[in-house]
Amino acid sequence: MDLRSEFLEPFRIESKLGFRRRLIHYFLLHLARIIFWFIPFEVHGKNNLTVEGVPTLLTSNHLSHLDSVFTAVAAFPVKRAIRFTGAAEFMKKMMFRWTKYELAFPVGRGLEERDRFIRNTLTLLKNNETVGIYPEGGRSKTGKFQFEKIKVGAGWIAKLAGPNTKVIPVFVFGTNNIIPFGRFFRLNFNAKVKIYFGPPLNLDRYYNLPNSIETSQRITNEIVKGIITEGRKCFEDLANHTHKS
């Protein structure tokens, strides 16, 4: 059995969303849009998003618990349902149970849970869904990109999903200023938030290479480059705005 077949073996995940869950998701999404109306919020590169029904992997930097919510609002209505990953221990807490209606699915720790995460993501992509993941594996405490914590899982998924899946880099700015790390109840609604969607990455040269850690690492490097490129656009825009002011 090859690696791709092994990871596509059947396992338990709710890949088809029920009417009730989808309805609550849309309600929360529109509620978030109303709340975010009061926050300086910009979306760039929305035309780079693929249409609904095309398997898409959104790969983003990670600053805050709000990253997934802001990205979902920014992508709407082009992408109506994005399945984000979330830390299992975080999603089990009572105050965060609502994240299942954000269409999140849990990611645990350890080798077995890593494999489950890859299988979950591949199943969703096989069903033509859009999945959002964070290659850093966790939120940044400093707001800076955590190069030392980059995981090759994003590269594995992109390789095994194949060329039909569009891999789009995303850069998130400012969500950590709304909820500073470790200070959940000290909200700052004056923070400026920006979401940048990059063009789909061209990974064609990697699909004929062996399924290996080396190949996954090379693809992950391409993904990181894409995220950093969008980040540069963000800071260039901020610098230009400051200069004009």
C-alpha atoms as a PDB file:
ATOM      1  CA  MET A   1       0.000   0.000   0.000  1.00  0.00           C
ATOM      2  CA  ASP A   2       1.483   3.364  -0.943  1.00  0.00           C
ATOM      3  CA  LEU A   3       1.561   6.300   1.435  1.00  0.00           C
ATOM      4  CA  ARG A   4      -1.279   8.170  -0.269  1.00  0.00           C
ATOM      5  CA  SER A   5      -3.607   5.136  -0.069  1.00  0.00           C
ATOM      6  CA  GLU A   6      -2.675   4.590   3.573  1.00  0.00           C
ATOM      7  CA  PHE A   7      -3.601   8.129   4.535  1.00  0.00           C
ATOM      8  CA  LEU A   8      -6.872   7.960   2.595  1.00  0.00           C
ATOM      9  CA  GLU A   9      -8.148   4.884   4.418  1.00  0.00           C
ATOM     10  CA  PRO A  10     -11.599   5.459   5.967  1.00  0.00           C
ATOM     11  CA  PHE A  11     -11.717   6.948   9.487  1.00  0.00           C
ATOM     12  CA  ARG A  12     -14.154   8.918  11.591  1.00  0.00           C
ATOM     13  CA  ILE A  13     -14.726  12.554  10.707  1.00  0.00           C
ATOM     14  CA  GLU A  14     -17.872  14.489   9.982  1.00  0.00           C
ATOM     15  CA  SER A  15     -17.007  15.545   6.438  1.00  0.00           C
ATOM     16  CA  LYS A  16     -20.623  16.244   5.474  1.00  0.00           C
ATOM     17  CA  LEU A  17     -22.088  19.063   7.535  1.00  0.00           C
ATOM     18  CA  GLY A  18     -25.643  18.754   8.799  1.00  0.00           C
ATOM     19  CA  PHE A  19     -28.231  21.454   8.152  1.00  0.00           C
ATOM     20  CA  ARG A  20     -28.385  22.554  11.808  1.00  0.00           C
ATOM     21  CA  ARG A  21     -24.635  22.886  12.170  1.00  0.00           C
ATOM     22  CA  ARG A  22     -24.290  24.753   8.896  1.00  0.00           C
ATOM     23  CA  LEU A  23     -27.169  27.089   9.816  1.00  0.00           C
ATOM     24  CA  ILE A  24     -25.583  27.958  13.177  1.00  0.00           C
ATOM     25  CA  HIS A  25     -22.248  28.474  11.416  1.00  0.00           C
ATOM     26  CA  TYR A  26     -23.781  30.995   9.007  1.00  0.00           C
ATOM     27  CA  PHE A  27     -25.510  32.777  11.903  1.00  0.00           C
ATOM     28  CA  LEU A  28     -22.215  33.082  13.821  1.00  0.00           C
ATOM     29  CA  LEU A  29     -20.413  34.153  10.656  1.00  0.00           C
ATOM     30  CA  HIS A  30     -22.865  36.990  10.008  1.00  0.00           C
ATOM     31  CA  LEU A  31     -22.795  37.945  13.704  1.00  0.00           C
ATOM     32  CA  ALA A  32     -18.993  38.190  13.479  1.00  0.00           C
ATOM     33  CA  ARG A  33     -19.319  40.368  10.361  1.00  0.00           C
ATOM     34  CA  ILE A  34     -21.538  42.785  12.301  1.00  0.00           C
ATOM     35  CA  ILE A  35     -19.111  42.906  15.253  1.00  0.00           C
ATOM     36  CA  PHE A  36     -16.111  43.334  12.971  1.00  0.00           C
ATOM     37  CA  TRP A  37     -17.825  46.333  11.386  1.00  0.00           C
ATOM     38  CA  PHE A  38     -16.548  48.298  14.396  1.00  0.00           C
ATOM     39  CA  ILE A  39     -12.951  47.106  13.922  1.00  0.00           C
ATOM     40  CA  PRO A  40     -10.601  48.553  11.245  1.00  0.00           C
ATOM     41  CA  PHE A  41     -10.568  45.501   8.972  1.00  0.00           C
ATOM     42  CA  GLU A  42      -9.064  45.177   5.487  1.00  0.00           C
ATOM     43  CA  VAL A  43      -9.069  42.256   3.063  1.00  0.00           C
ATOM     44  CA  HIS A  44      -6.564  41.975   0.228  1.00  0.00           C
ATOM     45  CA  GLY A  45      -6.255  39.432  -2.583  1.00  0.00           C
ATOM     46  CA  LYS A  46      -9.769  38.052  -2.270  1.00  0.00           C
ATOM     47  CA  ASN A  47      -9.744  37.499  -6.045  1.00  0.00           C
ATOM     48  CA  ASN A  48      -7.059  34.837  -5.448  1.00  0.00           C
ATOM     49  CA  LEU A  49      -9.558  32.579  -3.694  1.00  0.00           C
ATOM     50  CA  THR A  50     -10.873  29.634  -5.677  1.00  0.00           C
ATOM     51  CA  VAL A  51     -14.620  29.248  -6.114  1.00  0.00           C
ATOM     52  CA  GLU A  52     -16.677  27.080  -3.785  1.00  0.00           C
ATOM     53  CA  GLY A  53     -16.360  23.384  -4.589  1.00  0.00           C
ATOM     54  CA  VAL A  54     -12.660  23.470  -5.509  1.00  0.00           C
ATOM     55  CA  PRO A  55     -10.494  21.667  -2.908  1.00  0.00           C
ATOM     56  CA  THR A  56      -8.416  24.401  -1.279  1.00  0.00           C
ATOM     57  CA  LEU A  57      -5.760  24.431   1.431  1.00  0.00           C
ATOM     58  CA  LEU A  58      -5.360  27.806   3.169  1.00  0.00           C
ATOM     59  CA  THR A  59      -2.003  28.040   4.966  1.00  0.00           C
ATOM     60  CA  SER A  60      -1.605  30.928   7.379  1.00  0.00           C
ATOM     61  CA  ASN A  61       0.540  32.437  10.102  1.00  0.00           C
ATOM     62  CA  HIS A  62      -1.050  32.174  13.546  1.00  0.00           C
ATOM     63  CA  LEU A  63      -1.391  35.072  15.992  1.00  0.00           C
ATOM     64  CA  SER A  64      -4.648  34.661  17.891  1.00  0.00           C
ATOM     65  CA  HIS A  65      -7.733  32.567  18.613  1.00  0.00           C
ATOM     66  CA  LEU A  66      -9.490  35.044  16.307  1.00  0.00           C
ATOM     67  CA  ASP A  67      -7.423  34.205  13.202  1.00  0.00           C
ATOM     68  CA  SER A  68      -9.861  31.581  11.949  1.00  0.00           C
ATOM     69  CA  VAL A  69     -12.887  33.824  12.521  1.00  0.00           C
ATOM     70  CA  PHE A  70     -11.376  36.814  10.711  1.00  0.00           C
ATOM     71  CA  THR A  71     -10.170  34.626   7.831  1.00  0.00           C
ATOM     72  CA  ALA A  72     -13.624  33.068   7.456  1.00  0.00           C
ATOM     73  CA  VAL A  73     -15.268  36.500   7.419  1.00  0.00           C
ATOM     74  CA  ALA A  74     -12.666  37.809   4.952  1.00  0.00           C
ATOM     75  CA  ALA A  75     -13.236  34.878   2.571  1.00  0.00           C
ATOM     76  CA  PHE A  76     -17.041  35.088   2.660  1.00  0.00           C
ATOM     77  CA  PRO A  77     -19.016  34.729   0.400  1.00  0.00           C
ATOM     78  CA  VAL A  78     -16.431  33.233  -2.006  1.00  0.00           C
ATOM     79  CA  LYS A  79     -15.753  30.570   0.613  1.00  0.00           C
ATOM     80  CA  ARG A  80     -18.856  29.881   2.678  1.00  0.00           C
ATOM     81  CA  ALA A  81     -17.474  27.067   4.841  1.00  0.00           C
ATOM     82  CA  ILE A  82     -13.792  26.809   5.795  1.00  0.00           C
ATOM     83  CA  ARG A  83     -12.793  23.882   8.003  1.00  0.00           C
ATOM     84  CA  PHE A  84     -10.042  25.146  10.313  1.00  0.00           C
ATOM     85  CA  THR A  85      -7.792  23.096  12.545  1.00  0.00           C
ATOM     86  CA  GLY A  86      -7.888  23.740  16.282  1.00  0.00           C
ATOM     87  CA  ALA A  87      -5.945  22.438  19.278  1.00  0.00           C
ATOM     88  CA  ALA A  88      -7.921  19.582  20.837  1.00  0.00           C
ATOM     89  CA  GLU A  89      -7.289  20.753  24.417  1.00  0.00           C
ATOM     90  CA  PHE A  90      -8.491  24.236  23.437  1.00  0.00           C
ATOM     91  CA  MET A  91     -11.697  23.015  21.774  1.00  0.00           C
ATOM     92  CA  LYS A  92     -12.628  20.865  24.795  1.00  0.00           C
ATOM     93  CA  LYS A  93     -12.878  23.893  27.101  1.00  0.00           C
ATOM     94  CA  MET A  94     -16.451  24.934  27.805  1.00  0.00           C
ATOM     95  CA  MET A  95     -15.975  28.556  26.733  1.00  0.00           C
ATOM     96  CA  PHE A  96     -14.635  27.450  23.331  1.00  0.00           C
ATOM     97  CA  ARG A  97     -17.218  24.777  22.460  1.00  0.00           C
ATOM     98  CA  TRP A  98     -18.640  27.234  19.904  1.00  0.00           C
ATOM     99  CA  THR A  99     -15.632  26.558  17.657  1.00  0.00           C
ATOM    100  CA  LYS A 100     -17.294  23.424  16.299  1.00  0.00           C
ATOM    101  CA  TYR A 101     -19.786  25.754  14.632  1.00  0.00           C
ATOM    102  CA  GLU A 102     -16.813  27.616  13.208  1.00  0.00           C
ATOM    103  CA  LEU A 103     -16.429  24.225  11.468  1.00  0.00           C
ATOM    104  CA  ALA A 104     -13.143  23.551  13.237  1.00  0.00           C
ATOM    105  CA  PHE A 105     -11.828  20.033  13.750  1.00  0.00           C
ATOM    106  CA  PRO A 106      -9.451  19.093  16.587  1.00  0.00           C
ATOM    107  CA  VAL A 107      -5.735  18.380  16.334  1.00  0.00           C
ATOM    108  CA  GLY A 108      -4.122  16.518  19.203  1.00  0.00           C
ATOM    109  CA  ARG A 109      -0.505  15.950  20.142  1.00  0.00           C
ATOM    110  CA  GLY A 110       1.695  12.955  19.372  1.00  0.00           C
ATOM    111  CA  LEU A 111       2.476  10.798  16.335  1.00  0.00           C
ATOM    112  CA  GLU A 112      -0.910   9.078  16.202  1.00  0.00           C
ATOM    113  CA  GLU A 113      -2.785  12.379  16.409  1.00  0.00           C
ATOM    114  CA  ARG A 114      -0.545  13.868  13.707  1.00  0.00           C
ATOM    115  CA  ASP A 115      -1.497  11.041  11.361  1.00  0.00           C
ATOM    116  CA  ARG A 116      -5.163  11.522  12.250  1.00  0.00           C
ATOM    117  CA  PHE A 117      -4.861  15.228  11.439  1.00  0.00           C
ATOM    118  CA  ILE A 118      -3.361  14.465   8.010  1.00  0.00           C
ATOM    119  CA  ARG A 119      -6.085  11.900   7.277  1.00  0.00           C
ATOM    120  CA  ASN A 120      -8.826  14.291   8.392  1.00  0.00           C
ATOM    121  CA  THR A 121      -7.508  17.049   6.156  1.00  0.00           C
ATOM    122  CA  LEU A 122      -7.084  14.783   3.130  1.00  0.00           C
ATOM    123  CA  THR A 123     -10.623  13.453   3.515  1.00  0.00           C
ATOM    124  CA  LEU A 124     -12.053  16.971   3.600  1.00  0.00           C
ATOM    125  CA  LEU A 125     -10.030  17.996   0.543  1.00  0.00           C
ATOM    126  CA  LYS A 126     -11.125  14.830  -1.250  1.00  0.00           C
ATOM    127  CA  ASN A 127     -14.708  16.024  -0.632  1.00  0.00           C
ATOM    128  CA  ASN A 128     -13.858  19.348  -2.352  1.00  0.00           C
ATOM    129  CA  GLU A 129     -13.871  21.339   0.875  1.00  0.00           C
ATOM    130  CA  THR A 130     -11.657  24.228   1.984  1.00  0.00           C
ATOM    131  CA  VAL A 131      -9.353  23.603   4.941  1.00  0.00           C
ATOM    132  CA  GLY A 132      -7.367  26.195   6.902  1.00  0.00           C
ATOM    133  CA  ILE A 133      -4.173  25.115   8.672  1.00  0.00           C
ATOM    134  CA  TYR A 134      -1.329  26.791  10.552  1.00  0.00           C
ATOM    135  CA  PRO A 135       2.146  25.453   9.635  1.00  0.00           C
ATOM    136  CA  GLU A 136       3.605  26.984  12.832  1.00  0.00           C
ATOM    137  CA  GLY A 137       1.522  24.541  14.861  1.00  0.00           C
ATOM    138  CA  GLY A 138       0.498  27.163  17.432  1.00  0.00           C
ATOM    139  CA  ARG A 139       0.011  30.846  18.143  1.00  0.00           C
ATOM    140  CA  SER A 140       2.982  33.183  18.178  1.00  0.00           C
ATOM    141  CA  LYS A 141       3.582  34.793  21.572  1.00  0.00           C
ATOM    142  CA  THR A 142       5.592  37.634  20.034  1.00  0.00           C
ATOM    143  CA  GLY A 143       3.569  38.304  16.881  1.00  0.00           C
ATOM    144  CA  LYS A 144       6.557  37.272  14.769  1.00  0.00           C
ATOM    145  CA  PHE A 145       6.584  34.320  12.392  1.00  0.00           C
ATOM    146  CA  GLN A 146       7.909  31.239  14.224  1.00  0.00           C
ATOM    147  CA  PHE A 147      10.353  29.762  11.716  1.00  0.00           C
ATOM    148  CA  GLU A 148      11.760  27.417  14.357  1.00  0.00           C
ATOM    149  CA  LYS A 149       8.337  25.816  14.918  1.00  0.00           C
ATOM    150  CA  ILE A 150       7.382  25.144  11.301  1.00  0.00           C
ATOM    151  CA  LYS A 151       5.945  21.661  10.819  1.00  0.00           C
ATOM    152  CA  VAL A 152       6.235  19.678   7.568  1.00  0.00           C
ATOM    153  CA  GLY A 153       2.608  18.536   7.864  1.00  0.00           C
ATOM    154  CA  ALA A 154       1.489  21.276   5.477  1.00  0.00           C
ATOM    155  CA  GLY A 155       3.897  19.941   2.855  1.00  0.00           C
ATOM    156  CA  TRP A 156       2.751  16.355   3.419  1.00  0.00           C
ATOM    157  CA  ILE A 157      -0.863  17.329   2.936  1.00  0.00           C
ATOM    158  CA  ALA A 158      -0.204  19.383  -0.204  1.00  0.00           C
ATOM    159  CA  LYS A 159       1.808  16.510  -1.707  1.00  0.00           C
ATOM    160  CA  LEU A 160      -0.689  13.763  -0.907  1.00  0.00           C
ATOM    161  CA  ALA A 161      -3.705  15.861  -1.900  1.00  0.00           C
ATOM    162  CA  GLY A 162      -2.272  16.255  -5.401  1.00  0.00           C
ATOM    163  CA  PRO A 163      -2.425  18.959  -8.058  1.00  0.00           C
ATOM    164  CA  ASN A 164      -6.222  19.310  -7.961  1.00  0.00           C
ATOM    165  CA  THR A 165      -5.950  20.963  -4.551  1.00  0.00           C
ATOM    166  CA  LYS A 166      -5.144  24.674  -4.605  1.00  0.00           C
ATOM    167  CA  VAL A 167      -2.690  25.772  -1.917  1.00  0.00           C
ATOM    168  CA  ILE A 168      -3.163  29.435  -0.991  1.00  0.00           C
ATOM    169  CA  PRO A 169      -0.856  31.325   1.413  1.00  0.00           C
ATOM    170  CA  VAL A 170      -2.583  33.659   3.870  1.00  0.00           C
ATOM    171  CA  PHE A 171      -1.090  36.389   6.042  1.00  0.00           C
ATOM    172  CA  VAL A 172      -2.962  37.652   9.097  1.00  0.00           C
ATOM    173  CA  PHE A 173      -2.040  40.937  10.779  1.00  0.00           C
ATOM    174  CA  GLY A 174      -3.339  42.563  13.949  1.00  0.00           C
ATOM    175  CA  THR A 175      -5.563  39.897  15.522  1.00  0.00           C
ATOM    176  CA  ASN A 176      -3.055  39.529  18.367  1.00  0.00           C
ATOM    177  CA  ASN A 177      -3.644  43.194  19.213  1.00  0.00           C
ATOM    178  CA  ILE A 178      -7.361  42.578  19.772  1.00  0.00           C
ATOM    179  CA  ILE A 179      -6.677  39.752  22.209  1.00  0.00           C
ATOM    180  CA  PRO A 180      -3.047  39.942  23.419  1.00  0.00           C
ATOM    181  CA  PHE A 181      -1.498  36.543  24.105  1.00  0.00           C
ATOM    182  CA  GLY A 182      -2.610  35.294  27.531  1.00  0.00           C
ATOM    183  CA  ARG A 183      -5.069  38.158  28.096  1.00  0.00           C
ATOM    184  CA  PHE A 184      -8.340  36.853  26.714  1.00  0.00           C
ATOM    185  CA  PHE A 185     -10.598  39.257  28.623  1.00  0.00           C
ATOM    186  CA  ARG A 186      -8.693  42.440  27.706  1.00  0.00           C
ATOM    187  CA  LEU A 187     -10.112  43.261  24.276  1.00  0.00           C
ATOM    188  CA  ASN A 188      -8.857  46.116  22.118  1.00  0.00           C
ATOM    189  CA  PHE A 189     -11.375  47.041  19.416  1.00  0.00           C
ATOM    190  CA  ASN A 190      -9.144  49.814  18.060  1.00  0.00           C
ATOM    191  CA  ALA A 191      -6.664  47.311  16.641  1.00  0.00           C
ATOM    192  CA  LYS A 192      -6.254  47.268  12.873  1.00  0.00           C
ATOM    193  CA  VAL A 193      -6.670  43.861  11.230  1.00  0.00           C
ATOM    194  CA  LYS A 194      -5.529  42.911   7.731  1.00  0.00           C
ATOM    195  CA  ILE A 195      -5.968  39.621   5.858  1.00  0.00           C
ATOM    196  CA  TYR A 196      -3.927  38.931   2.718  1.00  0.00           C
ATOM    197  CA  PHE A 197      -4.785  36.041   0.395  1.00  0.00           C
ATOM    198  CA  GLY A 198      -1.941  35.163  -1.978  1.00  0.00           C
ATOM    199  CA  PRO A 199      -2.247  33.520  -5.403  1.00  0.00           C
ATOM    200  CA  PRO A 200      -2.349  29.685  -5.479  1.00  0.00           C
ATOM    201  CA  LEU A 201       1.157  28.258  -5.282  1.00  0.00           C
ATOM    202  CA  ASN A 202       2.622  26.468  -8.288  1.00  0.00           C
ATOM    203  CA  LEU A 203       3.778  23.139  -6.849  1.00  0.00           C
ATOM    204  CA  ASP A 204       3.653  21.087 -10.064  1.00  0.00           C
ATOM    205  CA  ARG A 205       7.370  20.270  -9.973  1.00  0.00           C
ATOM    206  CA  TYR A 206       6.942  18.396  -6.693  1.00  0.00           C
ATOM    207  CA  TYR A 207       4.078  16.045  -7.470  1.00  0.00           C
ATOM    208  CA  ASN A 208       6.228  13.554  -9.407  1.00  0.00           C
ATOM    209  CA  LEU A 209       8.820  13.390  -6.624  1.00  0.00           C
ATOM    210  CA  PRO A 210       8.784  10.568  -4.040  1.00  0.00           C
ATOM    211  CA  ASN A 211       6.525  10.882  -0.998  1.00  0.00           C
ATOM    212  CA  SER A 212       9.253  11.641   1.512  1.00  0.00           C
ATOM    213  CA  ILE A 213      10.180  13.984   4.356  1.00  0.00           C
ATOM    214  CA  GLU A 214      12.560  15.791   2.001  1.00  0.00           C
ATOM    215  CA  THR A 215       9.826  16.453  -0.569  1.00  0.00           C
ATOM    216  CA  SER A 216       7.420  17.563   2.157  1.00  0.00           C
ATOM    217  CA  GLN A 217      10.040  19.910   3.558  1.00  0.00           C
ATOM    218  CA  ARG A 218      10.626  21.491   0.159  1.00  0.00           C
ATOM    219  CA  ILE A 219       6.890  22.031  -0.339  1.00  0.00           C
ATOM    220  CA  THR A 220       6.588  23.438   3.197  1.00  0.00           C
ATOM    221  CA  ASN A 221       9.391  25.867   2.353  1.00  0.00           C
ATOM    222  CA  GLU A 222       7.387  27.044  -0.683  1.00  0.00           C
ATOM    223  CA  ILE A 223       4.334  27.533   1.543  1.00  0.00           C
ATOM    224  CA  VAL A 224       6.339  29.551   4.081  1.00  0.00           C
ATOM    225  CA  LYS A 225       7.776  31.697   1.275  1.00  0.00           C
ATOM    226  CA  GLY A 226       4.231  32.382   0.092  1.00  0.00           C
ATOM    227  CA  ILE A 227       3.093  33.453   3.567  1.00  0.00           C
ATOM    228  CA  ILE A 228       6.157  35.682   3.989  1.00  0.00           C
ATOM    229  CA  THR A 229       5.538  37.261   0.571  1.00  0.00           C
ATOM    230  CA  GLU A 230       2.025  38.251   1.653  1.00  0.00           C
ATOM    231  CA  GLY A 231       3.463  39.537   4.916  1.00  0.00           C
ATOM    232  CA  ARG A 232       5.857  41.800   3.025  1.00  0.00           C
ATOM    233  CA  LYS A 233       2.913  43.211   1.074  1.00  0.00           C
ATOM    234  CA  CYS A 234       1.159  43.942   4.355  1.00  0.00           C
ATOM    235  CA  PHE A 235       4.098  45.804   5.897  1.00  0.00           C
ATOM    236  CA  GLU A 236       4.758  47.690   2.665  1.00  0.00           C
ATOM    237  CA  ASP A 237       1.131  48.867   2.697  1.00  0.00           C
ATOM    238  CA  LEU A 238       1.472  49.893   6.349  1.00  0.00           C
ATOM    239  CA  ALA A 239       4.678  51.812   5.582  1.00  0.00           C
ATOM    240  CA  ASN A 240       3.099  53.570   2.590  1.00  0.00           C
ATOM    241  CA  HIS A 241       0.040  54.515   4.654  1.00  0.00           C
ATOM    242  CA  THR A 242       2.253  55.906   7.414  1.00  0.00           C
ATOM    243  CA  HIS A 243       4.314  57.861   4.863  1.00  0.00           C
ATOM    244  CA  LYS A 244       1.175  59.373   3.299  1.00  0.00           C
ATOM    245  CA  SER A 245      -0.157  60.322   6.708  1.00  0.00           C
END
